[in-house]
């Protein structure tokens, strides 16, 4: 917010709209709401998304489901992880906590807890290890499919369970992510995808407390460095 021509009350109103509007808000929508230019709306959203990741957040812990997904349009004749060789495809790592709770009937149930998402160039053992070390507490139990990248070396600091049929929480999160990207933004360029992943994680982890999301966004924003026009990546689309 520092040294911008956007009024401070409009910054707060934009932050409120973005954090509490359930499906998210595109730059065109914010432009109409605030009566500003598209470039200003895009820049405001860009800054707010940078404030949706808390650098001091605690790592995931306990039982974790981990997997990868591919974001982007279809590639003719190529399927699976090999499709990421196409410029329109991006490989994304995901990890989600599995929370066990007792429902009203006294039965033990599961639900998704906190989520982490990160772009990656490949799903090899080194990349998987770096992702887990960054986002998951050592000693946690990692549940994965049979992909060879989840090797003993990559998961040496964790308990590893392999069972593709149990990864329903991370798969549901991936499905919601793709629906959200296509429904709200009609697709996202790989160049900007990581900031949108930050936004989705922020929303997912606070999906039950929208007002807390607004307060948290303002709190994190106060700790972030100022983003100037020099290091601002100009918008290339109007999604």
Foldseek 3Di string as FASTA:
>chain_A
DPPDPPDPVLLLVLLLCQLQVQLGAFLVRSCVVSVHDSQVSVLSLLLLLVLLDFPPDDAAAAEKEKDKDKDFDDDPPDDDPVVLVDQRIWIKIKMWDWDWDQDPVRDIDIATAAMDMDTDSDLALVVLLVVCVVHYDFAHEYEYAPDCRPDCVSNVRYHYHHDHVPNPRRVVLVVVLNCSQCVRVVHDRPVCVVSVSSSSSSCVNCVPPSVVSSVSSVVSSVVDDDDDPVNDDGDDDRD
